[in-house]
N, C-alpha and C. Protein backbone atom coordinates (compact mmCIF):
# COMPACT_ATOMS: atom_id res chain seq x y z
N MET A 1 96.83 141.98 69.70
CA MET A 1 97.40 140.84 70.05
C MET A 1 98.84 140.30 69.57
N ASN A 2 99.18 140.54 71.13
CA ASN A 2 101.07 139.86 70.13
C ASN A 2 101.09 138.88 69.34
N ARG A 3 102.25 137.95 69.08
CA ARG A 3 101.99 136.96 68.20
C ARG A 3 102.42 135.91 68.94
N ARG A 4 103.05 136.33 70.57
CA ARG A 4 103.25 135.09 71.46
C ARG A 4 102.12 134.66 71.93
N LYS A 5 100.75 135.93 72.13
CA LYS A 5 99.69 135.31 72.30
C LYS A 5 99.38 134.69 71.93
N LEU A 6 99.12 135.10 70.39
CA LEU A 6 98.36 134.32 69.03
C LEU A 6 98.77 132.76 69.41
N LEU A 7 100.09 132.70 69.12
CA LEU A 7 100.44 131.45 69.03
C LEU A 7 100.11 130.35 70.10
N ALA A 8 99.95 130.89 70.98
CA ALA A 8 99.84 130.36 72.35
C ALA A 8 97.87 129.71 72.34
N LEU A 9 97.32 130.79 71.93
CA LEU A 9 96.36 130.28 71.64
C LEU A 9 95.48 129.37 70.52
N CYS A 10 96.19 129.55 69.32
CA CYS A 10 96.34 128.89 68.35
C CYS A 10 97.07 126.88 68.76
N LEU A 11 98.07 127.07 69.50
CA LEU A 11 98.54 126.08 69.98
C LEU A 11 97.66 125.05 71.06
N ALA A 12 96.83 126.10 72.01
CA ALA A 12 96.17 125.37 73.16
C ALA A 12 95.08 124.07 72.55
N PRO A 13 94.63 123.24 73.46
CA PRO A 13 94.19 121.86 73.09
C PRO A 13 92.50 122.44 73.23
N ALA A 14 92.15 122.14 72.33
CA ALA A 14 90.20 122.50 72.51
C ALA A 14 89.72 122.20 73.35
N GLY A 15 89.94 121.22 74.31
CA GLY A 15 89.48 120.61 75.49
C GLY A 15 90.13 121.34 77.17
N ALA A 16 91.22 122.61 76.79
CA ALA A 16 91.78 123.13 77.59
C ALA A 16 90.65 124.11 78.56
N ALA A 17 89.63 124.42 77.99
CA ALA A 17 88.63 125.34 78.89
C ALA A 17 87.85 124.37 79.71
N HIS A 18 88.00 122.78 80.11
CA HIS A 18 87.45 122.32 80.74
C HIS A 18 88.35 122.18 82.38
N ALA A 19 87.39 123.06 83.24
CA ALA A 19 88.14 123.01 84.28
C ALA A 19 88.75 122.07 85.25
N HIS A 20 89.80 122.34 85.92
CA HIS A 20 91.03 121.19 86.27
C HIS A 20 90.85 121.60 87.82
N HIS A 21 90.40 121.18 88.68
CA HIS A 21 90.42 121.24 90.33
C HIS A 21 91.68 120.73 90.74
N GLY A 22 92.15 121.56 91.87
CA GLY A 22 93.33 121.20 92.51
C GLY A 22 92.72 120.25 93.75
N TRP A 23 93.89 119.70 94.86
CA TRP A 23 92.95 119.05 96.03
C TRP A 23 92.32 119.60 96.92
N SER A 24 92.66 120.92 97.35
CA SER A 24 92.17 121.96 98.42
C SER A 24 90.84 121.89 98.67
N SER A 25 89.91 121.66 97.09
CA SER A 25 88.39 121.71 97.29
C SER A 25 87.94 120.72 97.76
N PHE A 26 88.66 119.56 97.75
CA PHE A 26 87.85 118.54 98.16
C PHE A 26 87.87 117.78 99.55
N ASP A 27 87.00 117.11 100.21
CA ASP A 27 87.00 116.53 101.65
C ASP A 27 87.88 115.87 101.40
N GLN A 28 89.12 115.72 102.10
CA GLN A 28 90.11 114.64 102.08
C GLN A 28 89.88 113.65 103.31
N GLU A 29 89.05 113.82 104.42
CA GLU A 29 88.54 113.11 105.48
C GLU A 29 87.13 112.34 105.36
N ARG A 30 86.64 112.82 104.13
CA ARG A 30 85.19 111.94 103.93
C ARG A 30 85.57 111.11 102.79
N PRO A 31 86.30 109.69 102.92
CA PRO A 31 86.11 109.07 101.53
C PRO A 31 84.84 108.34 101.07
N LEU A 32 84.70 108.40 99.76
CA LEU A 32 83.46 107.91 99.01
C LEU A 32 83.73 106.54 98.53
N PHE A 33 83.12 105.92 98.17
CA PHE A 33 83.07 104.47 97.72
C PHE A 33 81.98 104.90 96.65
N LEU A 34 82.25 104.28 95.18
CA LEU A 34 81.75 104.58 93.70
C LEU A 34 81.79 102.92 93.21
N GLU A 35 80.52 102.46 92.93
CA GLU A 35 80.95 101.66 91.98
C GLU A 35 79.85 101.69 90.92
N GLY A 36 80.15 101.07 89.95
CA GLY A 36 78.97 101.01 88.65
C GLY A 36 79.71 100.68 87.37
N ARG A 37 79.01 101.08 86.05
CA ARG A 37 79.36 101.32 85.12
C ARG A 37 79.52 102.28 84.14
N ALA A 38 80.87 102.24 83.44
CA ALA A 38 81.36 103.31 82.99
C ALA A 38 80.69 103.56 81.66
N VAL A 39 79.92 104.72 81.80
CA VAL A 39 79.40 105.58 80.15
C VAL A 39 79.74 106.23 79.19
N LYS A 40 80.93 107.53 79.89
CA LYS A 40 81.65 107.58 78.77
C LYS A 40 82.91 107.77 79.47
N VAL A 41 83.94 108.02 78.58
CA VAL A 41 84.94 107.62 79.03
C VAL A 41 85.99 108.62 78.41
N ALA A 42 87.08 109.81 78.78
CA ALA A 42 87.81 110.64 78.07
C ALA A 42 89.30 110.02 78.70
N TRP A 43 89.93 109.46 77.79
CA TRP A 43 91.44 108.79 78.00
C TRP A 43 92.29 109.64 77.25
N ARG A 44 92.47 110.96 78.10
CA ARG A 44 93.28 111.83 77.56
C ARG A 44 93.77 112.78 78.90
N ASN A 45 94.87 113.58 78.86
CA ASN A 45 95.41 114.41 79.80
C ASN A 45 94.42 115.70 79.90
N PRO A 46 94.32 116.53 80.76
CA PRO A 46 95.41 116.16 82.23
C PRO A 46 95.13 114.93 82.95
N HIS A 47 93.83 114.29 82.88
CA HIS A 47 93.90 113.22 83.67
C HIS A 47 92.54 112.44 82.89
N ALA A 48 92.48 110.70 82.80
CA ALA A 48 91.82 110.26 82.31
C ALA A 48 90.23 110.83 83.22
N GLU A 49 89.34 110.68 82.42
CA GLU A 49 88.26 110.90 83.44
C GLU A 49 86.84 110.23 82.60
N LEU A 50 86.11 109.74 83.74
CA LEU A 50 84.85 108.93 83.03
C LEU A 50 83.60 109.38 83.33
N GLU A 51 82.84 109.06 83.33
CA GLU A 51 81.48 109.34 83.90
C GLU A 51 80.87 107.55 84.13
N LEU A 52 80.64 107.75 85.57
CA LEU A 52 80.35 106.33 85.99
C LEU A 52 78.94 106.67 86.21
N GLU A 53 77.85 105.39 85.92
CA GLU A 53 76.27 105.29 86.35
C GLU A 53 76.15 104.05 87.65
N LEU A 54 75.55 104.67 88.85
CA LEU A 54 75.56 103.93 90.09
C LEU A 54 74.45 102.81 89.86
N PRO A 55 74.83 102.03 90.01
CA PRO A 55 73.54 101.01 90.77
C PRO A 55 72.14 101.68 91.57
N ALA A 56 70.95 101.50 91.69
CA ALA A 56 69.96 101.90 92.48
C ALA A 56 69.93 101.58 93.98
N ASP A 57 70.70 100.39 93.93
CA ASP A 57 70.66 99.88 95.21
C ASP A 57 72.43 100.03 95.84
N LEU A 58 73.14 100.85 95.34
CA LEU A 58 74.71 100.72 95.82
C LEU A 58 74.85 100.69 97.04
N ARG A 59 75.65 99.95 97.66
CA ARG A 59 76.13 99.30 99.03
C ARG A 59 77.24 99.27 98.93
N LEU A 60 77.62 99.86 100.74
CA LEU A 60 79.40 99.37 100.54
C LEU A 60 79.57 97.92 100.64
N PRO A 61 80.55 97.39 99.65
CA PRO A 61 81.04 95.63 99.79
C PRO A 61 81.42 95.94 101.34
N PRO A 62 80.84 94.34 101.63
CA PRO A 62 81.31 93.90 103.34
C PRO A 62 82.71 94.24 103.13
N ASP A 63 83.38 93.39 102.22
CA ASP A 63 85.05 93.12 102.03
C ASP A 63 85.75 94.67 102.15
N LEU A 64 85.67 95.88 101.73
CA LEU A 64 86.34 96.87 101.45
C LEU A 64 86.61 97.47 102.75
N PRO A 65 86.77 96.71 103.81
CA PRO A 65 87.57 97.51 104.98
C PRO A 65 88.99 96.49 105.18
N THR A 66 88.89 95.53 104.21
CA THR A 66 90.08 94.80 104.24
C THR A 66 90.39 94.46 102.70
N ARG A 67 90.10 95.23 101.82
CA ARG A 67 90.34 94.80 100.63
C ARG A 67 92.40 95.26 100.49
N PRO A 68 93.09 94.10 100.03
CA PRO A 68 94.42 94.47 99.63
C PRO A 68 94.50 95.82 99.23
N LEU A 69 95.33 96.58 98.95
CA LEU A 69 96.02 97.91 98.42
C LEU A 69 97.51 97.80 97.98
N PRO A 70 97.89 98.64 97.13
CA PRO A 70 99.21 98.90 96.93
C PRO A 70 100.40 99.19 97.77
N PRO A 71 100.83 98.43 97.44
CA PRO A 71 102.20 99.34 99.24
C PRO A 71 102.25 100.04 99.85
N GLN A 72 102.25 101.13 98.40
CA GLN A 72 102.16 102.95 98.30
C GLN A 72 101.37 103.36 99.38
N ALA A 73 100.12 102.53 99.78
CA ALA A 73 99.06 102.72 100.46
C ALA A 73 99.53 103.52 101.63
N VAL A 74 100.23 102.63 102.33
CA VAL A 74 100.73 102.98 103.42
C VAL A 74 100.90 104.46 103.85
N ALA A 75 101.56 105.26 102.90
CA ALA A 75 102.12 106.32 103.22
C ALA A 75 100.55 107.15 102.96
N VAL A 76 100.09 106.70 102.78
CA VAL A 76 98.33 107.80 102.90
C VAL A 76 97.43 107.08 103.87
N ASP A 77 97.81 105.93 104.81
CA ASP A 77 97.21 105.32 105.00
C ASP A 77 96.03 104.96 104.58
N GLY A 78 96.04 104.23 103.71
CA GLY A 78 95.29 103.23 102.71
C GLY A 78 94.11 102.56 103.41
N PRO A 79 94.46 101.68 104.55
CA PRO A 79 93.41 100.72 105.09
C PRO A 79 92.69 101.92 106.22
N ALA A 80 93.27 102.71 106.43
CA ALA A 80 92.07 103.77 107.30
C ALA A 80 90.89 104.69 106.46
N LEU A 81 91.24 104.70 104.97
CA LEU A 81 90.90 105.23 103.91
C LEU A 81 89.54 104.24 103.78
N LEU A 82 89.82 102.60 103.67
CA LEU A 82 88.94 102.01 103.27
C LEU A 82 88.14 102.02 104.48
N ARG A 83 88.76 101.99 105.56
CA ARG A 83 87.79 101.69 107.12
C ARG A 83 86.45 102.84 107.27
N ALA A 84 87.22 104.08 106.79
CA ALA A 84 85.92 105.30 106.69
C ALA A 84 85.40 105.55 105.70
N ALA A 85 85.42 104.89 104.59
CA ALA A 85 84.56 104.61 103.35
C ALA A 85 82.63 105.04 103.58
N ARG A 86 82.58 105.74 102.77
CA ARG A 86 80.80 106.20 102.98
C ARG A 86 80.48 106.08 101.77
N LEU A 87 79.33 105.95 101.29
CA LEU A 87 78.44 106.35 100.23
C LEU A 87 77.99 107.68 100.11
N PRO A 88 77.54 108.24 99.06
CA PRO A 88 77.66 109.71 99.01
C PRO A 88 76.18 109.54 99.73
N THR A 89 75.92 111.06 100.08
CA THR A 89 74.55 111.31 100.36
C THR A 89 73.61 112.29 99.26
N ARG A 90 74.54 112.49 97.72
CA ARG A 90 73.62 112.72 96.93
C ARG A 90 73.09 111.70 96.53
N ARG A 91 71.93 112.03 95.47
CA ARG A 91 71.70 111.08 94.65
C ARG A 91 71.43 110.79 93.03
N GLU A 92 72.30 111.73 92.51
CA GLU A 92 72.62 111.29 91.40
C GLU A 92 72.92 110.02 91.14
N ARG A 93 72.73 109.09 89.65
CA ARG A 93 73.24 107.92 89.52
C ARG A 93 74.42 108.32 89.03
N ARG A 94 74.72 109.56 88.10
CA ARG A 94 75.76 109.54 87.03
C ARG A 94 76.72 110.59 88.05
N TRP A 95 78.25 110.42 87.95
CA TRP A 95 79.34 110.82 88.67
C TRP A 95 80.05 110.83 87.15
N VAL A 96 80.67 112.07 87.48
CA VAL A 96 82.13 112.54 87.08
C VAL A 96 83.43 111.39 87.61
N VAL A 97 84.27 110.83 87.36
CA VAL A 97 84.97 110.64 88.13
C VAL A 97 86.53 111.00 87.48
N GLU A 98 87.25 111.78 87.95
CA GLU A 98 88.67 112.12 87.62
C GLU A 98 89.79 110.79 88.37
N LEU A 99 90.59 110.37 87.29
CA LEU A 99 91.62 109.46 87.84
C LEU A 99 92.78 110.02 87.79
N ALA A 100 93.75 109.75 86.76
CA ALA A 100 95.47 109.97 86.65
C ALA A 100 95.83 110.38 85.59
N PRO A 101 96.68 111.13 85.59
CA PRO A 101 97.17 111.70 84.52
C PRO A 101 97.33 109.97 83.38
N LEU A 102 97.34 110.32 82.02
CA LEU A 102 97.56 108.93 81.36
C LEU A 102 99.28 108.18 81.20
N THR A 103 100.05 109.19 81.88
CA THR A 103 101.53 108.65 82.23
C THR A 103 101.46 107.97 83.63
N ARG A 104 100.58 108.10 84.33
CA ARG A 104 100.52 107.16 85.67
C ARG A 104 99.59 106.13 85.41
N MET A 105 98.57 106.12 84.71
CA MET A 105 97.85 105.30 84.34
C MET A 105 98.26 104.06 83.67
N SER A 106 99.28 104.63 82.52
CA SER A 106 100.30 103.95 82.01
C SER A 106 101.40 102.90 83.29
N ALA A 107 101.99 103.83 83.67
CA ALA A 107 102.67 103.32 85.13
C ALA A 107 102.32 101.55 85.70
N TRP A 108 100.99 102.51 86.20
CA TRP A 108 100.36 101.03 86.66
C TRP A 108 99.76 100.28 85.92
N LYS A 109 99.98 100.05 84.92
CA LYS A 109 99.52 99.32 83.36
C LYS A 109 97.76 98.90 83.52
N VAL A 110 97.45 100.19 83.76
CA VAL A 110 95.80 99.99 83.98
C VAL A 110 95.24 99.90 82.57
N ALA A 111 94.55 98.97 81.78
CA ALA A 111 93.78 98.85 80.75
C ALA A 111 92.98 100.12 80.62
N GLU A 112 92.78 100.46 79.31
CA GLU A 112 91.97 101.56 78.97
C GLU A 112 90.84 101.16 79.53
N ILE A 113 89.59 101.90 80.14
CA ILE A 113 88.37 101.54 79.88
C ILE A 113 87.62 102.26 79.26
N LYS A 114 86.69 101.18 79.18
CA LYS A 114 85.86 101.42 78.20
C LYS A 114 84.46 101.71 78.71
N PRO A 115 83.48 102.30 77.53
CA PRO A 115 81.93 102.51 78.11
C PRO A 115 81.58 101.03 78.34
N GLY A 116 81.09 100.48 79.35
CA GLY A 116 80.18 99.48 79.90
C GLY A 116 81.03 98.46 80.53
N ASP A 117 82.49 99.05 80.91
CA ASP A 117 83.35 98.31 81.80
C ASP A 117 82.77 98.73 83.20
N THR A 118 82.98 97.66 84.03
CA THR A 118 82.12 97.94 85.35
C THR A 118 83.58 98.21 86.21
N LEU A 119 83.52 99.12 87.15
CA LEU A 119 84.50 99.30 88.30
C LEU A 119 84.26 100.04 89.53
N ALA A 120 84.98 99.95 90.25
CA ALA A 120 85.00 100.54 91.44
C ALA A 120 86.26 101.79 91.90
N VAL A 121 85.68 102.56 92.43
CA VAL A 121 86.67 104.02 92.84
C VAL A 121 86.61 104.01 94.51
N LEU A 122 87.65 104.30 94.86
CA LEU A 122 87.27 105.27 96.52
C LEU A 122 88.28 106.51 96.24
N GLY A 123 87.45 107.76 96.42
CA GLY A 123 88.14 108.56 96.26
C GLY A 123 87.24 110.22 97.41
N PHE A 124 87.37 111.13 96.62
CA PHE A 124 86.88 112.37 97.53
C PHE A 124 86.17 113.34 96.55
N THR A 125 85.17 114.08 96.92
CA THR A 125 84.43 115.16 96.74
C THR A 125 84.45 116.38 96.91
N PHE A 126 83.85 117.14 96.46
CA PHE A 126 83.80 118.74 97.22
C PHE A 126 83.37 118.64 98.73
N THR A 127 83.64 119.49 99.17
CA THR A 127 83.66 119.52 100.87
C THR A 127 81.90 119.72 100.58
N GLY A 128 80.88 119.15 101.86
CA GLY A 128 79.67 119.11 101.77
C GLY A 128 78.76 118.56 100.57
N GLU A 129 79.72 117.72 99.88
CA GLU A 129 79.33 117.30 98.29
C GLU A 129 78.54 118.49 97.66
N LYS A 130 79.18 119.90 97.73
CA LYS A 130 78.77 120.72 97.15
C LYS A 130 78.76 120.91 95.63
N GLY A 131 78.33 121.51 94.73
CA GLY A 131 78.84 121.64 93.45
C GLY A 131 78.46 120.00 92.70
N ASP A 132 79.25 119.91 91.45
CA ASP A 132 79.33 119.05 90.66
C ASP A 132 79.04 117.56 91.32
N ALA A 133 78.39 116.42 90.82
CA ALA A 133 78.66 115.38 91.45
C ALA A 133 80.05 114.80 90.48
N LEU A 134 81.18 114.80 91.44
CA LEU A 134 82.51 114.72 90.60
C LEU A 134 83.25 114.00 91.86
N LEU A 135 83.88 113.04 91.55
CA LEU A 135 84.63 112.36 92.53
C LEU A 135 86.47 111.91 92.14
N ARG A 136 87.29 112.51 92.54
CA ARG A 136 89.12 112.68 92.46
C ARG A 136 88.67 111.34 93.03
N ALA A 137 89.56 110.35 92.11
CA ALA A 137 89.76 108.71 92.69
C ALA A 137 91.16 108.83 93.05
N GLU A 138 91.22 108.27 94.39
CA GLU A 138 92.57 107.97 94.81
C GLU A 138 92.95 106.26 95.11
N TYR A 139 91.84 105.53 95.03
CA TYR A 139 92.08 104.12 94.53
C TYR A 139 90.81 103.61 93.45
N LEU A 140 91.52 102.87 92.48
CA LEU A 140 90.63 102.41 91.26
C LEU A 140 90.72 100.60 91.23
N TRP A 141 89.67 100.33 91.45
CA TRP A 141 89.29 98.64 91.52
C TRP A 141 88.80 98.50 89.67
N SER A 142 89.76 97.81 89.24
CA SER A 142 89.04 97.92 87.45
C SER A 142 89.97 96.37 86.88
N GLY A 143 89.57 95.65 85.98
CA GLY A 143 89.78 94.44 85.51
C GLY A 143 90.88 93.84 86.18
N GLY A 144 90.46 93.56 87.78
CA GLY A 144 90.82 92.85 88.41
C GLY A 144 92.09 93.23 89.44
N GLY A 145 92.46 94.46 88.92
CA GLY A 145 93.44 94.75 89.58
C GLY A 145 92.94 96.31 90.64
N VAL A 146 93.86 96.59 91.60
CA VAL A 146 93.94 97.76 92.04
C VAL A 146 94.66 98.77 92.20
N TYR A 147 94.39 99.76 91.53
CA TYR A 147 95.54 100.41 91.56
C TYR A 147 95.35 102.03 92.53
N GLY A 148 96.57 102.52 92.74
CA GLY A 148 96.57 103.97 93.69
C GLY A 148 97.13 104.93 93.01
N LEU A 149 95.94 105.80 92.73
CA LEU A 149 96.30 106.59 91.40
C LEU A 149 96.88 108.02 91.58
N ARG A 150 97.06 108.48 93.13
CA ARG A 150 97.70 109.73 93.43
C ARG A 150 99.55 109.45 93.52
N SER A 151 100.07 107.79 93.18
CA SER A 151 101.13 107.69 93.37
C SER A 151 101.70 106.72 91.96
N ALA A 152 103.34 106.03 92.06
CA ALA A 152 103.35 105.80 90.88
C ALA A 152 103.59 104.36 91.38
N PRO A 153 103.44 103.19 90.92
CA PRO A 153 103.69 101.76 91.27
C PRO A 153 105.33 101.69 91.61
N VAL A 154 105.66 101.21 92.91
CA VAL A 154 106.80 100.30 92.97
C VAL A 154 107.41 99.28 92.42
């Protein structure tokens, strides 16, 4: 092995083997709403991530279609995503939720989420809900705020 490859291996973070998914695998025509309690939280890059435990009686909130969103939500038609939101068809009560990179979480001034915190997310899972119970978050409701995680605050 040459020195450059050896150095790269030595400097690679221990968690780098964790799979990172691009947006193309996610069904962006079918927004899902999840709400629950954070069980595990990894506040690190490439993006903050948490395990969310859903209540047995998860329901769409009646006010979801009219909830206020950040101004940049207009670019991705955030109100239409809220109106189209549905619950997952999968029955798992625990989901992994991918949030945004820490620099964006910081720009939004999102307080670090801790195990036990309650929050809600709207986002996308794999097409057909195949594979892992994983949601890529578009919007996060946490600590009394709403955050558009694929954009920076204006």
